[in-house]
Each structure stands twice: as structure tokens, then as C-alpha cells.
PDB file of all heavy atoms in Angstrom:
ATOM      1  N   GLU A   1      82.028 -43.107  38.879  1.00  0.00           N
ATOM      2  CA  GLU A   1      82.517 -41.931  38.151  1.00  0.00           C
ATOM      3  C   GLU A   1      82.310 -40.677  39.022  1.00  0.00           C
ATOM      4  O   GLU A   1      81.198 -40.352  39.426  1.00  0.00           O
ATOM      5  CB  GLU A   1      81.743 -41.713  36.844  1.00  0.00           C
ATOM      6  CG  GLU A   1      82.058 -42.719  35.768  1.00  0.00           C
ATOM      7  CD  GLU A   1      83.474 -42.585  35.217  1.00  0.00           C
ATOM      8  OE1 GLU A   1      84.029 -41.506  35.366  1.00  0.00           O
ATOM      9  OE2 GLU A   1      83.970 -43.527  34.598  1.00  0.00           O
ATOM     10  N   GLU A   2      83.404 -39.973  39.364  1.00  0.00           N
ATOM     11  CA  GLU A   2      83.364 -38.786  40.197  1.00  0.00           C
ATOM     12  C   GLU A   2      82.485 -37.711  39.611  1.00  0.00           C
ATOM     13  O   GLU A   2      81.879 -36.894  40.321  1.00  0.00           O
ATOM     14  CB  GLU A   2      84.790 -38.258  40.456  1.00  0.00           C
ATOM     15  CG  GLU A   2      85.568 -39.087  41.456  1.00  0.00           C
ATOM     16  CD  GLU A   2      84.909 -39.110  42.840  1.00  0.00           C
ATOM     17  OE1 GLU A   2      84.432 -38.080  43.326  1.00  0.00           O
ATOM     18  OE2 GLU A   2      84.820 -40.240  43.407  1.00  0.00           O
ATOM     19  N   LYS A   3      82.481 -37.602  38.283  1.00  0.00           N
ATOM     20  CA  LYS A   3      81.665 -36.559  37.616  1.00  0.00           C
ATOM     21  C   LYS A   3      80.202 -36.721  37.898  1.00  0.00           C
ATOM     22  O   LYS A   3      79.414 -35.760  37.744  1.00  0.00           O
ATOM     23  CB  LYS A   3      81.902 -36.605  36.094  1.00  0.00           C
ATOM     24  CG  LYS A   3      83.350 -36.231  35.710  1.00  0.00           C
ATOM     25  CD  LYS A   3      83.499 -36.329  34.172  1.00  0.00           C
ATOM     26  CE  LYS A   3      84.920 -36.023  33.737  1.00  0.00           C
ATOM     27  NZ  LYS A   3      85.105 -36.138  32.268  1.00  0.00           N
ATOM     28  N   LEU A   4      79.807 -37.932  38.281  1.00  0.00           N
ATOM     29  CA  LEU A   4      78.333 -38.216  38.517  1.00  0.00           C
ATOM     30  C   LEU A   4      78.020 -38.197  40.015  1.00  0.00           C
ATOM     31  O   LEU A   4      76.914 -38.578  40.427  1.00  0.00           O
ATOM     32  CB  LEU A   4      77.966 -39.579  37.953  1.00  0.00           C
ATOM     33  CG  LEU A   4      78.175 -39.716  36.440  1.00  0.00           C
ATOM     34  CD1 LEU A   4      77.899 -41.157  35.996  1.00  0.00           C
ATOM     35  CD2 LEU A   4      77.307 -38.725  35.672  1.00  0.00           C
ATOM     36  N   LYS A   5      78.958 -37.811  40.846  1.00  0.00           N
ATOM     37  CA  LYS A   5      78.786 -37.870  42.306  1.00  0.00           C
ATOM     38  C   LYS A   5      77.552 -37.108  42.785  1.00  0.00           C
ATOM     39  O   LYS A   5      76.865 -37.545  43.708  1.00  0.00           O
ATOM     40  CB  LYS A   5      80.033 -37.282  42.988  1.00  0.00           C
ATOM     41  CG  LYS A   5      80.079 -37.471  44.482  1.00  0.00           C
ATOM     42  CD  LYS A   5      81.401 -37.003  45.065  1.00  0.00           C
ATOM     43  CE  LYS A   5      81.436 -37.241  46.592  1.00  0.00           C
ATOM     44  NZ  LYS A   5      82.753 -36.792  47.131  1.00  0.00           N
ATOM     45  N   THR A   6      77.250 -36.007  42.185  1.00  0.00           N
ATOM     46  CA  THR A   6      76.107 -35.154  42.575  1.00  0.00           C
ATOM     47  C   THR A   6      74.787 -35.943  42.392  1.00  0.00           C
ATOM     48  O   THR A   6      73.794 -35.710  43.116  1.00  0.00           O
ATOM     49  CB  THR A   6      76.032 -33.847  41.726  1.00  0.00           C
ATOM     50  OG1 THR A   6      77.304 -33.268  41.801  1.00  0.00           O
ATOM     51  CG2 THR A   6      74.970 -32.958  42.203  1.00  0.00           C
ATOM     52  N   PHE A   7      74.745 -36.839  41.414  1.00  0.00           N
ATOM     53  CA  PHE A   7      73.481 -37.513  41.090  1.00  0.00           C
ATOM     54  C   PHE A   7      73.339 -38.901  41.788  1.00  0.00           C
ATOM     55  O   PHE A   7      72.334 -39.555  41.582  1.00  0.00           O
ATOM     56  CB  PHE A   7      73.432 -37.732  39.547  1.00  0.00           C
ATOM     57  CG  PHE A   7      73.604 -36.453  38.761  1.00  0.00           C
ATOM     58  CD1 PHE A   7      74.839 -36.205  38.175  1.00  0.00           C
ATOM     59  CD2 PHE A   7      72.585 -35.571  38.582  1.00  0.00           C
ATOM     60  CE1 PHE A   7      75.001 -35.057  37.434  1.00  0.00           C
ATOM     61  CE2 PHE A   7      72.708 -34.420  37.865  1.00  0.00           C
ATOM     62  CZ  PHE A   7      74.000 -34.163  37.263  1.00  0.00           C
ATOM     63  N   ARG A   8      74.337 -39.299  42.534  1.00  0.00           N
ATOM     64  CA  ARG A   8      74.327 -40.699  43.069  1.00  0.00           C
ATOM     65  C   ARG A   8      73.144 -40.978  43.969  1.00  0.00           C
ATOM     66  O   ARG A   8      72.524 -42.050  43.817  1.00  0.00           O
ATOM     67  CB  ARG A   8      75.619 -40.954  43.855  1.00  0.00           C
ATOM     68  CG  ARG A   8      76.791 -41.185  43.000  1.00  0.00           C
ATOM     69  CD  ARG A   8      78.067 -41.319  43.813  1.00  0.00           C
ATOM     70  NE  ARG A   8      79.254 -41.390  42.922  1.00  0.00           N
ATOM     71  CZ  ARG A   8      80.505 -41.265  43.332  1.00  0.00           C
ATOM     72  NH1 ARG A   8      80.752 -41.115  44.636  1.00  0.00           N
ATOM     73  NH2 ARG A   8      81.468 -41.315  42.483  1.00  0.00           N
ATOM     74  N   GLY A   9      72.793 -40.051  44.864  1.00  0.00           N
ATOM     75  CA  GLY A   9      71.734 -40.303  45.821  1.00  0.00           C
ATOM     76  C   GLY A   9      70.380 -40.555  45.119  1.00  0.00           C
ATOM     77  O   GLY A   9      69.782 -41.639  45.283  1.00  0.00           O
ATOM     78  N   TRP A  10      69.870 -39.564  44.440  1.00  0.00           N
ATOM     79  CA  TRP A  10      68.510 -39.689  43.881  1.00  0.00           C
ATOM     80  C   TRP A  10      68.474 -40.631  42.692  1.00  0.00           C
ATOM     81  O   TRP A  10      67.483 -41.313  42.530  1.00  0.00           O
ATOM     82  CB  TRP A  10      67.927 -38.301  43.564  1.00  0.00           C
ATOM     83  CG  TRP A  10      68.597 -37.525  42.423  1.00  0.00           C
ATOM     84  CD1 TRP A  10      69.644 -36.715  42.565  1.00  0.00           C
ATOM     85  CD2 TRP A  10      68.235 -37.564  41.046  1.00  0.00           C
ATOM     86  NE1 TRP A  10      70.008 -36.203  41.295  1.00  0.00           N
ATOM     87  CE2 TRP A  10      69.149 -36.680  40.369  1.00  0.00           C
ATOM     88  CE3 TRP A  10      67.295 -38.211  40.347  1.00  0.00           C
ATOM     89  CZ2 TRP A  10      69.082 -36.459  39.003  1.00  0.00           C
ATOM     90  CZ3 TRP A  10      67.188 -37.988  38.934  1.00  0.00           C
ATOM     91  CH2 TRP A  10      68.106 -37.109  38.329  1.00  0.00           C
ATOM     92  N   MET A  11      69.529 -40.664  41.888  1.00  0.00           N
ATOM     93  CA  MET A  11      69.522 -41.588  40.744  1.00  0.00           C
ATOM     94  C   MET A  11      69.616 -43.032  41.225  1.00  0.00           C
ATOM     95  O   MET A  11      68.961 -43.912  40.674  1.00  0.00           O
ATOM     96  CB  MET A  11      70.692 -41.268  39.792  1.00  0.00           C
ATOM     97  CG  MET A  11      70.448 -40.114  38.866  1.00  0.00           C
ATOM     98  SD  MET A  11      68.990 -40.336  37.809  1.00  0.00           S
ATOM     99  CE  MET A  11      69.455 -41.774  36.853  1.00  0.00           C
ATOM    100  N   GLY A  12      70.410 -43.252  42.253  1.00  0.00           N
ATOM    101  CA  GLY A  12      70.492 -44.617  42.849  1.00  0.00           C
ATOM    102  C   GLY A  12      69.128 -45.053  43.370  1.00  0.00           C
ATOM    103  O   GLY A  12      68.726 -46.219  43.244  1.00  0.00           O
ATOM    104  N   ALA A  13      68.401 -44.126  44.019  1.00  0.00           N
ATOM    105  CA  ALA A  13      67.067 -44.430  44.503  1.00  0.00           C
ATOM    106  C   ALA A  13      66.126 -44.773  43.365  1.00  0.00           C
ATOM    107  O   ALA A  13      65.334 -45.730  43.473  1.00  0.00           O
ATOM    108  CB  ALA A  13      66.527 -43.262  45.317  1.00  0.00           C
ATOM    109  N   VAL A  14      66.171 -44.006  42.284  1.00  0.00           N
ATOM    110  CA  VAL A  14      65.310 -44.269  41.109  1.00  0.00           C
ATOM    111  C   VAL A  14      65.648 -45.670  40.548  1.00  0.00           C
ATOM    112  O   VAL A  14      64.726 -46.459  40.212  1.00  0.00           O
ATOM    113  CB  VAL A  14      65.505 -43.185  40.034  1.00  0.00           C
ATOM    114  CG1 VAL A  14      64.835 -43.613  38.748  1.00  0.00           C
ATOM    115  CG2 VAL A  14      65.016 -41.865  40.510  1.00  0.00           C
ATOM    116  N   PHE A  15      66.968 -45.985  40.423  1.00  0.00           N
ATOM    117  CA  PHE A  15      67.325 -47.303  39.910  1.00  0.00           C
ATOM    118  C   PHE A  15      66.780 -48.425  40.760  1.00  0.00           C
ATOM    119  O   PHE A  15      66.237 -49.432  40.283  1.00  0.00           O
ATOM    120  CB  PHE A  15      68.863 -47.414  39.838  1.00  0.00           C
ATOM    121  CG  PHE A  15      69.484 -46.602  38.736  1.00  0.00           C
ATOM    122  CD1 PHE A  15      70.863 -46.411  38.726  1.00  0.00           C
ATOM    123  CD2 PHE A  15      68.756 -46.040  37.726  1.00  0.00           C
ATOM    124  CE1 PHE A  15      71.492 -45.651  37.702  1.00  0.00           C
ATOM    125  CE2 PHE A  15      69.365 -45.327  36.701  1.00  0.00           C
ATOM    126  CZ  PHE A  15      70.739 -45.125  36.708  1.00  0.00           C
ATOM    127  N   PHE A  16      66.908 -48.222  42.093  1.00  0.00           N
ATOM    128  CA  PHE A  16      66.478 -49.252  43.047  1.00  0.00           C
ATOM    129  C   PHE A  16      64.964 -49.478  42.919  1.00  0.00           C
ATOM    130  O   PHE A  16      64.484 -50.635  42.918  1.00  0.00           O
ATOM    131  CB  PHE A  16      66.850 -48.866  44.466  1.00  0.00           C
ATOM    132  CG  PHE A  16      66.305 -49.823  45.520  1.00  0.00           C
ATOM    133  CD1 PHE A  16      66.836 -51.100  45.620  1.00  0.00           C
ATOM    134  CD2 PHE A  16      65.306 -49.429  46.390  1.00  0.00           C
ATOM    135  CE1 PHE A  16      66.353 -51.972  46.576  1.00  0.00           C
ATOM    136  CE2 PHE A  16      64.818 -50.275  47.342  1.00  0.00           C
ATOM    137  CZ  PHE A  16      65.331 -51.561  47.430  1.00  0.00           C
ATOM    138  N   ILE A  17      64.206 -48.418  42.883  1.00  0.00           N
ATOM    139  CA  ILE A  17      62.744 -48.528  42.797  1.00  0.00           C
ATOM    140  C   ILE A  17      62.324 -49.244  41.552  1.00  0.00           C
ATOM    141  O   ILE A  17      61.450 -50.130  41.556  1.00  0.00           O
ATOM    142  CB  ILE A  17      62.080 -47.128  42.901  1.00  0.00           C
ATOM    143  CG1 ILE A  17      62.276 -46.576  44.330  1.00  0.00           C
ATOM    144  CG2 ILE A  17      60.624 -47.222  42.541  1.00  0.00           C
ATOM    145  CD1 ILE A  17      61.873 -45.116  44.478  1.00  0.00           C
ATOM    146  N   PHE A  18      62.995 -48.882  40.393  1.00  0.00           N
ATOM    147  CA  PHE A  18      62.646 -49.550  39.148  1.00  0.00           C
ATOM    148  C   PHE A  18      62.937 -51.053  39.246  1.00  0.00           C
ATOM    149  O   PHE A  18      62.106 -51.917  38.826  1.00  0.00           O
ATOM    150  CB  PHE A  18      63.407 -48.975  37.955  1.00  0.00           C
ATOM    151  CG  PHE A  18      63.155 -49.668  36.687  1.00  0.00           C
ATOM    152  CD1 PHE A  18      62.096 -49.264  35.858  1.00  0.00           C
ATOM    153  CD2 PHE A  18      63.985 -50.744  36.255  1.00  0.00           C
ATOM    154  CE1 PHE A  18      61.869 -49.960  34.669  1.00  0.00           C
ATOM    155  CE2 PHE A  18      63.732 -51.402  35.087  1.00  0.00           C
ATOM    156  CZ  PHE A  18      62.660 -51.021  34.260  1.00  0.00           C
ATOM    157  N   ILE A  19      64.108 -51.417  39.754  1.00  0.00           N
ATOM    158  CA  ILE A  19      64.485 -52.829  39.868  1.00  0.00           C
ATOM    159  C   ILE A  19      63.564 -53.549  40.815  1.00  0.00           C
ATOM    160  O   ILE A  19      63.123 -54.705  40.495  1.00  0.00           O
ATOM    161  CB  ILE A  19      65.951 -52.927  40.393  1.00  0.00           C
ATOM    162  CG1 ILE A  19      66.898 -52.399  39.320  1.00  0.00           C
ATOM    163  CG2 ILE A  19      66.287 -54.382  40.717  1.00  0.00           C
ATOM    164  CD1 ILE A  19      68.372 -52.311  39.789  1.00  0.00           C
ATOM    165  N   LEU A  20      63.151 -52.918  41.881  1.00  0.00           N
ATOM    166  CA  LEU A  20      62.243 -53.542  42.840  1.00  0.00           C
ATOM    167  C   LEU A  20      60.862 -53.829  42.168  1.00  0.00           C
ATOM    168  O   LEU A  20      60.323 -54.898  42.322  1.00  0.00           O
ATOM    169  CB  LEU A  20      62.070 -52.617  44.052  1.00  0.00           C
ATOM    170  CG  LEU A  20      61.408 -53.216  45.277  1.00  0.00           C
ATOM    171  CD1 LEU A  20      62.316 -54.311  45.879  1.00  0.00           C
ATOM    172  CD2 LEU A  20      61.143 -52.147  46.309  1.00  0.00           C
ATOM    173  N   LEU A  21      60.397 -52.818  41.463  1.00  0.00           N
ATOM    174  CA  LEU A  21      59.073 -52.981  40.831  1.00  0.00           C
ATOM    175  C   LEU A  21      59.114 -53.964  39.637  1.00  0.00           C
ATOM    176  O   LEU A  21      58.076 -54.553  39.277  1.00  0.00           O
ATOM    177  CB  LEU A  21      58.559 -51.621  40.356  1.00  0.00           C
ATOM    178  CG  LEU A  21      58.123 -50.638  41.416  1.00  0.00           C
ATOM    179  CD1 LEU A  21      57.696 -49.299  40.841  1.00  0.00           C
ATOM    180  CD2 LEU A  21      57.029 -51.234  42.307  1.00  0.00           C
ATOM    181  N   SER A  22      60.253 -54.135  39.063  1.00  0.00           N
ATOM    182  CA  SER A  22      60.404 -55.120  37.957  1.00  0.00           C
ATOM    183  C   SER A  22      60.218 -56.568  38.493  1.00  0.00           C
ATOM    184  O   SER A  22      59.893 -57.450  37.688  1.00  0.00           O
ATOM    185  CB  SER A  22      61.794 -55.004  37.331  1.00  0.00           C
ATOM    186  OG  SER A  22      62.813 -55.510  38.138  1.00  0.00           O
ATOM    187  N   GLY A  23      60.492 -56.790  39.746  1.00  0.00           N
ATOM    188  CA  GLY A  23      60.338 -58.079  40.309  1.00  0.00           C
ATOM    189  C   GLY A  23      61.416 -59.087  39.944  1.00  0.00           C
ATOM    190  O   GLY A  23      61.306 -60.296  40.189  1.00  0.00           O
ATOM    191  N   VAL A  24      62.555 -58.549  39.433  1.00  0.00           N
ATOM    192  CA  VAL A  24      63.683 -59.474  39.074  1.00  0.00           C
ATOM    193  C   VAL A  24      64.507 -59.720  40.311  1.00  0.00           C
ATOM    194  O   VAL A  24      65.249 -58.857  40.787  1.00  0.00           O
ATOM    195  CB  VAL A  24      64.542 -58.802  37.959  1.00  0.00           C
ATOM    196  CG1 VAL A  24      65.711 -59.757  37.601  1.00  0.00           C
ATOM    197  CG2 VAL A  24      63.662 -58.558  36.727  1.00  0.00           C
ATOM    198  N   ARG A  25      64.365 -60.887  40.885  1.00  0.00           N
ATOM    199  CA  ARG A  25      64.975 -61.189  42.161  1.00  0.00           C
ATOM    200  C   ARG A  25      66.478 -61.130  42.113  1.00  0.00           C
ATOM    201  O   ARG A  25      67.104 -60.604  43.011  1.00  0.00           O
ATOM    202  CB  ARG A  25      64.482 -62.548  42.639  1.00  0.00           C
ATOM    203  CG  ARG A  25      63.053 -62.532  43.110  1.00  0.00           C
ATOM    204  CD  ARG A  25      62.452 -63.887  43.312  1.00  0.00           C
ATOM    205  NE  ARG A  25      62.048 -64.500  42.048  1.00  0.00           N
ATOM    206  CZ  ARG A  25      61.017 -65.319  41.940  1.00  0.00           C
ATOM    207  NH1 ARG A  25      60.242 -65.594  42.958  1.00  0.00           N
ATOM    208  NH2 ARG A  25      60.703 -65.847  40.771  1.00  0.00           N
ATOM    209  N   MET A  26      67.084 -61.684  41.059  1.00  0.00           N
ATOM    210  CA  MET A  26      68.534 -61.621  40.933  1.00  0.00           C
ATOM    211  C   MET A  26      68.986 -60.143  40.735  1.00  0.00           C
ATOM    212  O   MET A  26      70.078 -59.764  41.191  1.00  0.00           O
ATOM    213  CB  MET A  26      69.008 -62.428  39.759  1.00  0.00           C
ATOM    214  CG  MET A  26      70.543 -62.451  39.600  1.00  0.00           C
ATOM    215  SD  MET A  26      71.443 -62.981  41.056  1.00  0.00           S
ATOM    216  CE  MET A  26      71.222 -64.760  40.981  1.00  0.00           C
ATOM    217  N   GLY A  27      68.149 -59.337  40.100  1.00  0.00           N
ATOM    218  CA  GLY A  27      68.492 -57.943  39.911  1.00  0.00           C
ATOM    219  C   GLY A  27      68.533 -57.182  41.219  1.00  0.00           C
ATOM    220  O   GLY A  27      69.443 -56.368  41.487  1.00  0.00           O
ATOM    221  N   VAL A  28      67.562 -57.454  42.115  1.00  0.00           N
ATOM    222  CA  VAL A  28      67.534 -56.864  43.452  1.00  0.00           C
ATOM    223  C   VAL A  28      68.753 -57.284  44.254  1.00  0.00           C
ATOM    224  O   VAL A  28      69.422 -56.472  44.885  1.00  0.00           O
ATOM    225  CB  VAL A  28      66.256 -57.196  44.202  1.00  0.00           C
ATOM    226  CG1 VAL A  28      66.291 -56.680  45.604  1.00  0.00           C
ATOM    227  CG2 VAL A  28      65.038 -56.675  43.442  1.00  0.00           C
ATOM    228  N   PHE A  29      69.090 -58.617  44.168  1.00  0.00           N
ATOM    229  CA  PHE A  29      70.247 -59.144  44.885  1.00  0.00           C
ATOM    230  C   PHE A  29      71.528 -58.463  44.373  1.00  0.00           C
ATOM    231  O   PHE A  29      72.411 -58.095  45.171  1.00  0.00           O
ATOM    232  CB  PHE A  29      70.320 -60.653  44.702  1.00  0.00           C
ATOM    233  CG  PHE A  29      71.518 -61.272  45.304  1.00  0.00           C
ATOM    234  CD1 PHE A  29      71.623 -61.410  46.698  1.00  0.00           C
ATOM    235  CD2 PHE A  29      72.568 -61.701  44.536  1.00  0.00           C
ATOM    236  CE1 PHE A  29      72.733 -61.987  47.230  1.00  0.00           C
ATOM    237  CE2 PHE A  29      73.707 -62.282  45.116  1.00  0.00           C
ATOM    238  CZ  PHE A  29      73.774 -62.466  46.460  1.00  0.00           C
ATOM    239  N   THR A  30      71.649 -58.326  43.037  1.00  0.00           N
ATOM    240  CA  THR A  30      72.840 -57.721  42.411  1.00  0.00           C
ATOM    241  C   THR A  30      72.996 -56.291  42.870  1.00  0.00           C
ATOM    242  O   THR A  30      74.104 -55.854  43.194  1.00  0.00           O
ATOM    243  CB  THR A  30      72.776 -57.813  40.889  1.00  0.00           C
ATOM    244  OG1 THR A  30      72.632 -59.188  40.519  1.00  0.00           O
ATOM    245  CG2 THR A  30      74.011 -57.221  40.272  1.00  0.00           C
ATOM    246  N   PHE A  31      71.895 -55.550  42.893  1.00  0.00           N
ATOM    247  CA  PHE A  31      71.909 -54.160  43.324  1.00  0.00           C
ATOM    248  C   PHE A  31      72.442 -54.096  44.790  1.00  0.00           C
ATOM    249  O   PHE A  31      73.235 -53.203  45.102  1.00  0.00           O
ATOM    250  CB  PHE A  31      70.515 -53.537  43.244  1.00  0.00           C
ATOM    251  CG  PHE A  31      70.466 -52.064  43.544  1.00  0.00           C
ATOM    252  CD1 PHE A  31      70.532 -51.134  42.507  1.00  0.00           C
ATOM    253  CD2 PHE A  31      70.315 -51.615  44.837  1.00  0.00           C
ATOM    254  CE1 PHE A  31      70.488 -49.763  42.783  1.00  0.00           C
ATOM    255  CE2 PHE A  31      70.228 -50.273  45.110  1.00  0.00           C
ATOM    256  CZ  PHE A  31      70.334 -49.321  44.110  1.00  0.00           C
ATOM    257  N   GLY A  32      71.982 -55.050  45.593  1.00  0.00           N
ATOM    258  CA  GLY A  32      72.427 -55.110  46.965  1.00  0.00           C
ATOM    259  C   GLY A  32      73.897 -55.370  47.113  1.00  0.00           C
ATOM    260  O   GLY A  32      74.613 -54.798  47.947  1.00  0.00           O
ATOM    261  N   VAL A  33      74.419 -56.299  46.265  1.00  0.00           N
ATOM    262  CA  VAL A  33      75.841 -56.629  46.261  1.00  0.00           C
ATOM    263  C   VAL A  33      76.685 -55.449  45.874  1.00  0.00           C
ATOM    264  O   VAL A  33      77.694 -55.079  46.525  1.00  0.00           O
ATOM    265  CB  VAL A  33      76.130 -57.797  45.304  1.00  0.00           C
ATOM    266  CG1 VAL A  33      77.623 -57.993  45.137  1.00  0.00           C
ATOM    267  CG2 VAL A  33      75.512 -59.102  45.774  1.00  0.00           C
ATOM    268  N   ILE A  34      76.254 -54.722  44.810  1.00  0.00           N
ATOM    269  CA  ILE A  34      76.980 -53.538  44.369  1.00  0.00           C
ATOM    270  C   ILE A  34      77.002 -52.479  45.476  1.00  0.00           C
ATOM    271  O   ILE A  34      78.079 -51.904  45.811  1.00  0.00           O
ATOM    272  CB  ILE A  34      76.330 -52.932  43.106  1.00  0.00           C
ATOM    273  CG1 ILE A  34      76.366 -53.885  41.941  1.00  0.00           C
ATOM    274  CG2 ILE A  34      77.019 -51.575  42.715  1.00  0.00           C
ATOM    275  CD1 ILE A  34      75.521 -53.422  40.773  1.00  0.00           C
ATOM    276  N   SER A  35      75.860 -52.244  46.077  1.00  0.00           N
ATOM    277  CA  SER A  35      75.731 -51.242  47.144  1.00  0.00           C
ATOM    278  C   SER A  35      76.598 -51.585  48.342  1.00  0.00           C
ATOM    279  O   SER A  35      77.237 -50.723  48.964  1.00  0.00           O
ATOM    280  CB  SER A  35      74.258 -51.089  47.578  1.00  0.00           C
ATOM    281  OG  SER A  35      73.456 -50.670  46.504  1.00  0.00           O
TER     282      SER A  35
END
């Protein structure tokens, strides 16, 4: 979404950190695929 472009950097980092700390291996892999 172009309207959310301003938030991509820091929000993406927050999402990644949460997923990483959750320990869900498929979730980390999926995040990597999307990225």
C-alpha cells in the first residue's frame, strides 16, 4: 500500500523483531520470502 510507504522501514523492523522473538521458524522463513 503506497499510503503506508512512510511507515515501511520502522514498522517492518518491528514486525521482524516480534516474529524473531516468537520463535516461529516458518514465520521467520515466510517474512524472508516476502522481503
